[in-house]
Amino acid sequence: MREDEFGNIFIRPLHNDKFPLSEIDKNIYDEVLDLSNRFLLSSQILNNLIYDKETSNHLIDGLIKQTQIGNLKKLINQRELLKIASLFNKNSIDYVFMKGSAINFLSHGYVRYSRDLDVLVCKHHLLKAYELLKELGYSYLNPLVADKAKFTSQSHHLPILSNGDGALVEIHHRVTIKSSYSECP
């Protein structure tokens, strides 16, 4: 993908600058779909393309599918956020949701697609938060990770947890990695 193509496809949508589908080389459709999926940009790109909605197109079909999956994922994350918040509140866990999940829950009209829920808890609540998520059906996504709430001094969150619905949760005990900011909540 050339620099000007990248700018047209991925930067112009950030400024609501519409452009025609015909300006995108068909040879880069798969690369566009890969980058769109990786950076969760399908709806922004799709909303800023000018195209015939009656004509089938590989790129448009792929962007629509990615957008639908993203919307479903957002709904799943919202439901899980409410379940986790309720459970943590009932069990007096000090926590705060961070990044995309918090932005999506608190904002109206703005969507920040995110793959997971990030929740910050105090170190002394880490084990209890982990045990409570296990009660909701969460387990480590990586089957090679031991079933413990143990962290290393270099990490800032436990390994990724997943449930049967595909929701992903990271329990953070720090906002940043230690090498970035040594004194961090």
Protein backbone atom coordinates (compact mmCIF):
# COMPACT_ATOMS: atom_id res chain seq x y z
CA MET A 1 0.00 0.00 0.00
CA ARG A 2 1.39 3.37 -0.98
CA GLU A 3 1.54 6.27 1.48
CA ASP A 4 -1.14 8.26 -0.36
CA GLU A 5 -3.45 5.22 -0.39
CA PHE A 6 -2.92 4.74 3.34
CA GLY A 7 -3.73 8.41 3.96
CA ASN A 8 -6.90 8.27 1.88
CA ILE A 9 -8.18 5.09 3.53
CA PHE A 10 -7.09 5.48 7.15
CA ILE A 11 -6.46 9.19 7.79
CA ARG A 12 -9.18 10.95 5.78
CA PRO A 13 -11.98 9.17 7.70
CA LEU A 14 -10.64 10.71 10.92
CA HIS A 15 -11.56 14.10 9.44
CA ASN A 16 -14.90 12.92 7.99
CA ASP A 17 -13.42 13.48 4.54
CA LYS A 18 -15.38 11.25 2.17
CA PHE A 19 -13.72 9.64 -0.86
CA PRO A 20 -14.88 7.29 -3.61
CA LEU A 21 -14.36 3.54 -3.43
CA SER A 22 -13.12 3.70 -7.01
CA GLU A 23 -9.94 5.44 -5.76
CA ILE A 24 -8.91 2.28 -3.86
CA ASP A 25 -6.85 -0.22 -5.85
CA LYS A 26 -8.57 -3.63 -5.73
CA ASN A 27 -5.14 -5.25 -5.22
CA ILE A 28 -4.93 -3.80 -1.69
CA TYR A 29 -8.44 -4.72 -0.50
CA ASP A 30 -7.18 -7.59 1.69
CA GLU A 31 -4.46 -5.39 3.20
CA VAL A 32 -7.05 -2.69 3.95
CA LEU A 33 -9.31 -5.27 5.62
CA ASP A 34 -6.42 -6.62 7.69
CA LEU A 35 -5.41 -3.16 8.94
CA SER A 36 -9.02 -2.15 9.50
CA ASN A 37 -9.60 -5.23 11.62
CA ARG A 38 -6.34 -4.87 13.53
CA PHE A 39 -7.01 -1.24 14.46
CA LEU A 40 -10.83 -1.48 14.74
CA LEU A 41 -11.49 1.16 12.08
CA SER A 42 -14.08 -0.52 9.85
CA SER A 43 -17.03 1.73 10.66
CA GLN A 44 -15.00 4.93 10.26
CA ILE A 45 -13.69 3.83 6.86
CA LEU A 46 -17.08 2.54 5.73
CA ASN A 47 -18.89 5.73 6.75
CA ASN A 48 -16.50 7.84 4.70
CA LEU A 49 -16.52 5.83 1.49
CA ILE A 50 -18.66 6.86 -1.43
CA TYR A 51 -19.96 3.74 -3.14
CA ASP A 52 -23.02 2.19 -4.77
CA LYS A 53 -24.87 0.36 -2.00
CA GLU A 54 -26.61 -1.84 -4.55
CA THR A 55 -23.37 -3.25 -6.00
CA SER A 56 -21.53 -6.04 -4.18
CA ASN A 57 -17.87 -5.37 -3.43
CA HIS A 58 -15.30 -7.48 -1.53
CA LEU A 59 -13.95 -4.52 0.46
CA ILE A 60 -17.37 -3.12 1.37
CA ASP A 61 -18.69 -6.56 2.34
CA GLY A 62 -15.64 -7.13 4.55
CA LEU A 63 -15.94 -3.72 6.23
CA ILE A 64 -19.66 -4.29 6.88
CA LYS A 65 -18.92 -7.68 8.46
CA GLN A 66 -16.16 -6.19 10.64
CA THR A 67 -18.50 -3.39 11.73
CA GLN A 68 -21.27 -5.83 12.65
CA ILE A 69 -18.84 -7.94 14.68
CA GLY A 70 -17.52 -4.78 16.37
CA ASN A 71 -21.05 -3.69 17.30
CA LEU A 72 -21.85 -7.12 18.73
CA LYS A 73 -18.58 -7.09 20.68
CA LYS A 74 -19.45 -3.65 22.08
CA LEU A 75 -22.82 -4.96 23.33
CA ILE A 76 -21.20 -8.00 24.93
CA ASN A 77 -18.61 -5.78 26.62
CA GLN A 78 -21.30 -3.42 27.93
CA ARG A 79 -23.24 -6.33 29.43
CA GLU A 80 -20.09 -7.76 31.02
CA LEU A 81 -19.05 -4.36 32.36
CA LEU A 82 -22.37 -4.07 34.20
CA LYS A 83 -22.10 -7.62 35.58
CA ILE A 84 -18.53 -7.08 36.79
CA ALA A 85 -19.34 -3.67 38.29
CA SER A 86 -22.30 -5.12 40.19
CA LEU A 87 -20.27 -8.05 41.49
CA PHE A 88 -17.32 -5.87 42.53
CA ASN A 89 -19.65 -3.38 44.23
CA LYS A 90 -21.39 -6.18 46.19
CA ASN A 91 -18.01 -7.46 47.34
CA SER A 92 -16.46 -4.07 48.20
CA ILE A 93 -13.76 -4.27 45.55
CA ASP A 94 -12.22 -0.87 44.77
CA TYR A 95 -12.02 -0.65 40.97
CA VAL A 96 -12.22 1.60 37.94
CA PHE A 97 -12.83 0.67 34.32
CA MET A 98 -10.26 2.13 31.94
CA LYS A 99 -9.71 2.83 28.27
CA GLY A 100 -12.31 1.87 25.65
CA SER A 101 -14.78 0.18 27.97
CA ALA A 102 -15.05 3.24 30.20
CA ILE A 103 -15.24 5.66 27.28
CA ASN A 104 -18.00 3.67 25.59
CA PHE A 105 -20.03 3.34 28.76
CA LEU A 106 -19.85 7.00 29.72
CA SER A 107 -20.03 8.70 26.33
CA HIS A 108 -23.06 9.29 24.18
CA GLY A 109 -22.65 9.11 20.43
CA TYR A 110 -18.91 8.38 20.46
CA VAL A 111 -17.79 4.79 19.95
CA ARG A 112 -14.29 3.60 20.73
CA TYR A 113 -14.10 0.00 19.67
CA SER A 114 -12.13 -2.17 22.04
CA ARG A 115 -11.34 -5.83 22.17
CA ASP A 116 -11.43 -6.17 25.94
CA LEU A 117 -12.48 -4.67 29.25
CA ASP A 118 -9.70 -3.16 31.31
CA VAL A 119 -10.35 -2.85 35.03
CA LEU A 120 -7.92 -1.41 37.56
CA VAL A 121 -8.07 -2.83 41.10
CA CYS A 122 -5.90 -2.26 44.16
CA LYS A 123 -3.18 -4.87 44.61
CA HIS A 124 -4.78 -6.04 47.85
CA HIS A 125 -8.05 -6.73 45.94
CA LEU A 126 -6.38 -8.53 43.03
CA LEU A 127 -6.93 -12.09 44.29
CA LYS A 128 -10.56 -11.41 45.28
CA ALA A 129 -11.29 -9.74 41.90
CA TYR A 130 -9.79 -12.73 40.11
CA GLU A 131 -11.83 -15.21 42.19
CA LEU A 132 -15.04 -13.24 41.53
CA LEU A 133 -14.44 -13.25 37.78
CA LYS A 134 -13.91 -17.01 37.95
CA GLU A 135 -17.38 -17.23 39.56
CA LEU A 136 -18.76 -15.44 36.47
CA GLY A 137 -17.20 -18.11 34.24
CA TYR A 138 -13.94 -16.39 33.37
CA SER A 139 -10.67 -18.26 33.02
CA TYR A 140 -7.31 -17.44 31.52
CA LEU A 141 -7.42 -17.32 27.73
CA ASN A 142 -4.04 -19.01 27.53
CA PRO A 143 -4.47 -22.59 28.81
CA LEU A 144 -0.78 -22.72 29.79
CA VAL A 145 -1.19 -20.02 32.46
CA ALA A 146 -1.50 -21.35 36.02
CA ASP A 147 -4.88 -20.81 37.71
CA LYS A 148 -3.52 -18.13 40.08
CA ALA A 149 -3.79 -14.39 40.54
CA LYS A 150 -0.04 -13.92 40.55
CA PHE A 151 1.75 -11.10 38.80
CA THR A 152 5.37 -10.30 38.21
CA SER A 153 7.04 -7.04 39.14
CA GLN A 154 7.35 -6.26 35.41
CA SER A 155 3.70 -6.70 34.50
CA HIS A 156 0.83 -4.32 35.09
CA HIS A 157 -2.05 -6.75 34.70
CA LEU A 158 -2.93 -10.40 35.03
CA PRO A 159 -3.06 -12.50 31.86
CA ILE A 160 -6.17 -12.04 29.73
CA LEU A 161 -9.32 -13.71 31.05
CA SER A 162 -12.15 -14.91 28.81
CA ASN A 163 -15.66 -16.25 29.29
CA GLY A 164 -17.85 -18.44 27.10
CA ASP A 165 -19.31 -15.42 25.27
CA GLY A 166 -15.93 -14.26 24.01
CA ALA A 167 -15.63 -11.34 26.41
CA LEU A 168 -12.03 -10.56 27.35
CA VAL A 169 -10.98 -8.92 30.62
CA GLU A 170 -7.65 -7.65 31.85
CA ILE A 171 -7.39 -7.06 35.59
CA HIS A 172 -4.80 -4.34 36.09
CA HIS A 173 -3.00 -3.68 39.34
CA ARG A 174 -1.08 -0.76 37.81
CA VAL A 175 -1.93 1.69 35.05
CA THR A 176 1.49 1.36 33.40
CA ILE A 177 4.36 -1.07 33.31
CA LYS A 178 6.95 -0.37 35.99
CA SER A 179 9.65 0.62 33.50
CA SER A 180 7.43 3.45 32.20
CA TYR A 181 6.48 4.91 35.56
CA SER A 182 7.92 3.41 38.75
CA GLU A 183 5.48 4.94 41.26
CA CYS A 184 2.05 4.15 39.93
CA PRO A 185 -1.23 3.29 41.62
